[in-house]
N, C-alpha and C. Protein backbone atom coordinates (compact mmCIF):
# COMPACT_ATOMS: atom_id res chain seq x y z
N TRP A 1 -18.93 18.87 32.57
CA TRP A 1 -18.82 20.13 31.89
C TRP A 1 -18.44 19.94 30.42
N ALA A 2 -17.42 19.12 30.15
CA ALA A 2 -16.92 18.96 28.77
C ALA A 2 -18.02 18.45 27.85
N GLN A 3 -18.77 17.49 28.32
CA GLN A 3 -19.86 16.93 27.51
C GLN A 3 -20.86 18.02 27.16
N SER A 4 -21.26 18.80 28.12
CA SER A 4 -22.23 19.87 27.88
C SER A 4 -21.64 20.97 27.01
N PHE A 5 -20.37 21.28 27.23
CA PHE A 5 -19.70 22.31 26.43
C PHE A 5 -19.62 21.88 24.96
N LEU A 6 -19.19 20.64 24.73
CA LEU A 6 -19.02 20.16 23.35
C LEU A 6 -20.35 20.07 22.60
N LEU A 7 -21.43 19.79 23.31
CA LEU A 7 -22.74 19.67 22.67
C LEU A 7 -23.53 20.97 22.70
N ASN A 8 -22.89 22.05 23.17
CA ASN A 8 -23.51 23.37 23.22
C ASN A 8 -24.78 23.39 24.06
N VAL A 9 -24.75 22.64 25.17
CA VAL A 9 -25.87 22.66 26.12
C VAL A 9 -25.73 23.95 26.93
N PRO A 10 -26.75 24.80 26.93
CA PRO A 10 -26.61 26.12 27.54
C PRO A 10 -26.52 26.12 29.07
N ARG A 11 -27.18 25.17 29.72
CA ARG A 11 -27.21 25.13 31.19
C ARG A 11 -27.09 23.69 31.67
N VAL A 12 -26.49 23.54 32.86
CA VAL A 12 -26.44 22.23 33.50
C VAL A 12 -27.01 22.35 34.91
N VAL A 13 -27.63 21.29 35.37
CA VAL A 13 -28.16 21.25 36.73
C VAL A 13 -27.19 20.40 37.55
N VAL A 14 -26.75 20.97 38.67
CA VAL A 14 -25.80 20.30 39.54
C VAL A 14 -26.49 19.96 40.85
N GLY A 15 -26.31 18.71 41.29
CA GLY A 15 -26.85 18.27 42.57
C GLY A 15 -25.76 18.28 43.62
N PHE A 16 -26.02 18.89 44.77
CA PHE A 16 -25.05 18.95 45.85
C PHE A 16 -25.46 17.95 46.93
N ARG A 17 -24.54 17.03 47.24
CA ARG A 17 -24.83 15.95 48.18
C ARG A 17 -24.26 16.24 49.56
N ASP A 18 -24.88 15.59 50.54
CA ASP A 18 -24.33 15.66 51.90
C ASP A 18 -23.28 14.55 52.06
N ASP A 19 -22.74 14.41 53.25
CA ASP A 19 -21.69 13.41 53.50
C ASP A 19 -22.19 11.98 53.33
N ASP A 20 -23.50 11.77 53.35
CA ASP A 20 -24.07 10.44 53.15
C ASP A 20 -24.40 10.17 51.68
N GLY A 21 -24.11 11.13 50.81
CA GLY A 21 -24.36 10.94 49.38
C GLY A 21 -25.78 11.29 48.95
N ILE A 22 -26.56 11.90 49.82
CA ILE A 22 -27.94 12.28 49.51
C ILE A 22 -27.94 13.69 48.90
N VAL A 23 -28.57 13.82 47.74
CA VAL A 23 -28.67 15.14 47.10
C VAL A 23 -29.60 16.01 47.93
N LYS A 24 -29.08 17.14 48.37
CA LYS A 24 -29.85 18.04 49.22
C LYS A 24 -30.33 19.28 48.48
N THR A 25 -29.54 19.75 47.53
CA THR A 25 -29.94 20.94 46.78
C THR A 25 -29.54 20.78 45.31
N LEU A 26 -30.27 21.48 44.46
CA LEU A 26 -29.97 21.53 43.04
C LEU A 26 -29.73 22.99 42.66
N GLN A 27 -28.80 23.17 41.74
CA GLN A 27 -28.53 24.52 41.26
C GLN A 27 -28.22 24.46 39.77
N THR A 28 -28.72 25.45 39.04
CA THR A 28 -28.49 25.52 37.60
C THR A 28 -27.38 26.52 37.32
N PHE A 29 -26.46 26.12 36.42
CA PHE A 29 -25.36 26.99 36.03
C PHE A 29 -25.32 27.10 34.51
N ARG A 30 -24.92 28.25 34.02
CA ARG A 30 -24.67 28.41 32.59
C ARG A 30 -23.36 27.69 32.28
N THR A 31 -23.38 26.83 31.29
CA THR A 31 -22.22 26.01 30.95
C THR A 31 -20.98 26.86 30.70
N LEU A 32 -21.13 27.95 29.96
CA LEU A 32 -19.98 28.79 29.63
C LEU A 32 -19.42 29.54 30.84
N ASP A 33 -20.21 29.67 31.92
CA ASP A 33 -19.74 30.36 33.12
C ASP A 33 -18.93 29.46 34.06
N ILE A 34 -19.08 28.16 33.92
CA ILE A 34 -18.47 27.23 34.88
C ILE A 34 -16.96 27.39 34.98
N PRO A 35 -16.20 27.46 33.88
CA PRO A 35 -14.74 27.60 34.04
C PRO A 35 -14.33 28.84 34.83
N ASN A 36 -15.10 29.90 34.76
CA ASN A 36 -14.77 31.13 35.48
C ASN A 36 -15.14 31.08 36.95
N MET A 37 -15.85 30.03 37.36
CA MET A 37 -16.27 29.89 38.75
C MET A 37 -15.22 29.19 39.60
N ILE A 38 -14.22 28.60 38.96
CA ILE A 38 -13.19 27.86 39.68
C ILE A 38 -12.22 28.87 40.31
N PRO A 39 -11.89 28.71 41.58
CA PRO A 39 -10.98 29.66 42.24
C PRO A 39 -9.63 29.75 41.54
N SER A 40 -9.06 30.92 41.57
CA SER A 40 -7.73 31.13 40.99
C SER A 40 -6.67 30.48 41.86
N ARG A 41 -5.57 30.13 41.21
CA ARG A 41 -4.42 29.58 41.93
C ARG A 41 -3.62 30.74 42.51
N ASN A 42 -2.54 30.43 43.17
CA ASN A 42 -1.69 31.45 43.79
C ASN A 42 -1.08 32.40 42.77
N ASP A 43 -0.95 31.95 41.50
CA ASP A 43 -0.35 32.81 40.49
C ASP A 43 -1.38 33.69 39.79
N ASN A 44 -2.60 33.76 40.38
CA ASN A 44 -3.68 34.61 39.89
C ASN A 44 -4.22 34.23 38.52
N ARG A 45 -3.88 33.04 38.05
CA ARG A 45 -4.47 32.55 36.79
C ARG A 45 -5.65 31.66 37.14
N ASN A 46 -6.64 31.65 36.26
CA ASN A 46 -7.77 30.78 36.47
C ASN A 46 -7.29 29.33 36.44
N SER A 47 -7.75 28.52 37.38
CA SER A 47 -7.32 27.13 37.47
C SER A 47 -7.92 26.26 36.38
N TRP A 48 -8.98 26.72 35.74
CA TRP A 48 -9.67 25.92 34.74
C TRP A 48 -9.47 26.59 33.39
N ASN A 49 -8.58 26.05 32.61
CA ASN A 49 -8.24 26.60 31.31
C ASN A 49 -8.95 25.75 30.25
N VAL A 50 -9.92 26.31 29.57
CA VAL A 50 -10.75 25.56 28.62
C VAL A 50 -9.91 24.85 27.55
N PRO A 51 -8.98 25.52 26.87
CA PRO A 51 -8.19 24.80 25.87
C PRO A 51 -7.37 23.64 26.46
N VAL A 52 -6.87 23.81 27.67
CA VAL A 52 -6.12 22.74 28.31
C VAL A 52 -7.04 21.56 28.62
N CYS A 53 -8.24 21.84 29.13
CA CYS A 53 -9.21 20.78 29.43
C CYS A 53 -9.60 20.02 28.17
N LEU A 54 -9.87 20.75 27.10
CA LEU A 54 -10.26 20.09 25.85
C LEU A 54 -9.09 19.33 25.23
N GLY A 55 -7.88 19.84 25.38
CA GLY A 55 -6.70 19.12 24.90
C GLY A 55 -6.50 17.81 25.65
N PHE A 56 -6.69 17.86 26.96
CA PHE A 56 -6.60 16.65 27.78
C PHE A 56 -7.67 15.65 27.35
N LEU A 57 -8.89 16.13 27.16
CA LEU A 57 -9.99 15.26 26.74
C LEU A 57 -9.67 14.60 25.40
N ARG A 58 -9.14 15.36 24.47
CA ARG A 58 -8.79 14.83 23.15
C ARG A 58 -7.75 13.71 23.26
N LYS A 59 -6.69 13.96 24.04
CA LYS A 59 -5.65 12.95 24.21
C LYS A 59 -6.20 11.70 24.91
N PHE A 60 -7.04 11.91 25.91
CA PHE A 60 -7.63 10.78 26.62
C PHE A 60 -8.51 9.95 25.69
N LEU A 61 -9.39 10.61 24.92
CA LEU A 61 -10.27 9.87 24.02
C LEU A 61 -9.49 9.17 22.91
N ASP A 62 -8.40 9.79 22.44
CA ASP A 62 -7.53 9.12 21.46
C ASP A 62 -6.95 7.84 22.05
N LEU A 63 -6.51 7.91 23.31
CA LEU A 63 -5.96 6.74 23.98
C LEU A 63 -7.01 5.65 24.14
N VAL A 64 -8.21 6.03 24.54
CA VAL A 64 -9.30 5.07 24.70
C VAL A 64 -9.63 4.42 23.35
N LYS A 65 -9.64 5.21 22.30
CA LYS A 65 -9.93 4.68 20.96
C LYS A 65 -8.91 3.62 20.55
N VAL A 66 -7.64 3.89 20.79
CA VAL A 66 -6.58 2.94 20.45
C VAL A 66 -6.74 1.65 21.27
N GLU A 67 -6.98 1.79 22.57
CA GLU A 67 -7.12 0.62 23.43
C GLU A 67 -8.36 -0.20 23.06
N CYS A 68 -9.45 0.46 22.72
CA CYS A 68 -10.67 -0.25 22.33
C CYS A 68 -10.48 -1.01 21.02
N ALA A 69 -9.70 -0.46 20.13
CA ALA A 69 -9.44 -1.14 18.85
C ALA A 69 -8.61 -2.40 19.09
N LYS A 70 -7.75 -2.39 20.10
CA LYS A 70 -6.91 -3.56 20.40
C LYS A 70 -7.67 -4.64 21.16
N LYS A 71 -8.68 -4.24 21.93
CA LYS A 71 -9.36 -5.18 22.83
C LYS A 71 -10.86 -5.13 22.60
N VAL A 72 -11.29 -5.81 21.56
CA VAL A 72 -12.71 -5.84 21.20
C VAL A 72 -13.45 -6.77 22.17
N ASP A 73 -14.69 -6.44 22.49
CA ASP A 73 -15.54 -7.24 23.38
C ASP A 73 -14.98 -7.38 24.80
N VAL A 74 -14.27 -6.37 25.26
CA VAL A 74 -13.72 -6.35 26.61
C VAL A 74 -14.14 -5.03 27.25
N THR A 75 -14.49 -5.10 28.53
CA THR A 75 -14.79 -3.89 29.27
C THR A 75 -13.48 -3.32 29.81
N LEU A 76 -13.24 -2.05 29.54
CA LEU A 76 -12.03 -1.41 30.01
C LEU A 76 -12.34 -0.47 31.17
N MET A 77 -11.45 -0.44 32.15
CA MET A 77 -11.58 0.45 33.30
C MET A 77 -10.51 1.52 33.19
N CYS A 78 -10.94 2.78 33.21
CA CYS A 78 -10.01 3.91 33.15
C CYS A 78 -9.93 4.55 34.53
N THR A 79 -8.72 4.75 35.01
CA THR A 79 -8.53 5.41 36.30
C THR A 79 -7.48 6.50 36.15
N PHE A 80 -7.60 7.52 36.99
CA PHE A 80 -6.65 8.63 36.99
C PHE A 80 -6.08 8.78 38.38
N ASP A 81 -4.76 8.79 38.47
CA ASP A 81 -4.07 9.00 39.74
C ASP A 81 -3.62 10.46 39.76
N PRO A 82 -4.32 11.34 40.51
CA PRO A 82 -3.99 12.76 40.48
C PRO A 82 -2.62 13.08 41.07
N GLU A 83 -2.14 12.26 42.01
CA GLU A 83 -0.82 12.53 42.58
C GLU A 83 0.28 12.26 41.57
N ARG A 84 0.17 11.16 40.83
CA ARG A 84 1.17 10.82 39.82
C ARG A 84 0.82 11.43 38.46
N ARG A 85 -0.42 11.92 38.32
CA ARG A 85 -0.91 12.51 37.07
C ARG A 85 -0.82 11.50 35.93
N VAL A 86 -1.30 10.28 36.21
CA VAL A 86 -1.22 9.17 35.26
C VAL A 86 -2.61 8.57 35.06
N ILE A 87 -2.93 8.28 33.79
CA ILE A 87 -4.16 7.56 33.46
C ILE A 87 -3.78 6.11 33.18
N THR A 88 -4.54 5.20 33.77
CA THR A 88 -4.32 3.78 33.54
C THR A 88 -5.58 3.19 32.92
N ILE A 89 -5.40 2.38 31.90
CA ILE A 89 -6.52 1.67 31.28
C ILE A 89 -6.23 0.18 31.40
N ARG A 90 -7.16 -0.55 31.99
CA ARG A 90 -6.98 -2.00 32.16
C ARG A 90 -8.29 -2.71 31.89
N GLU A 91 -8.19 -4.00 31.65
CA GLU A 91 -9.39 -4.80 31.47
C GLU A 91 -10.09 -4.95 32.81
N ASP A 92 -11.42 -4.84 32.78
CA ASP A 92 -12.22 -4.97 34.00
C ASP A 92 -12.83 -6.36 34.02
N HIS A 93 -12.22 -7.26 34.78
CA HIS A 93 -12.69 -8.64 34.83
C HIS A 93 -13.84 -8.82 35.79
N ASP A 94 -14.16 -7.80 36.59
CA ASP A 94 -15.28 -7.88 37.54
C ASP A 94 -16.62 -7.65 36.87
N ASP A 95 -16.62 -7.16 35.65
CA ASP A 95 -17.86 -6.81 34.93
C ASP A 95 -18.30 -7.97 34.04
N LYS A 96 -18.74 -9.05 34.65
CA LYS A 96 -19.16 -10.22 33.88
C LYS A 96 -20.60 -10.54 34.18
C-alpha cells in the first residue's frame, strides 16, 4: 500500500491465495480506499492511520539508510517482531 500511495498509483491488484499459496482470485482496489477497509478496533477508531503508517515507514527507511551506510557491499535482512514491536537489521550471510 505505502509504495502505491507514495507514487500516487490509483489502483492496486491484490491476489488472494488459498492455504497452499496458490492465487485463486484477483481483486482491484482504489489505493486511497484501502486504509478505510481495515476493521475498526474496539475503541471505534480506524486501525489503519495513514500518518502513523507513513511515520513508521519514514523511521524505518531512515534506519535502513544509516545501516546501509555503515555496511557497504553487505546484504541486510530486516525482520519485525510484532509481539515485541521491534525491528531487527542484521547481515544476511545466507545470500552468497
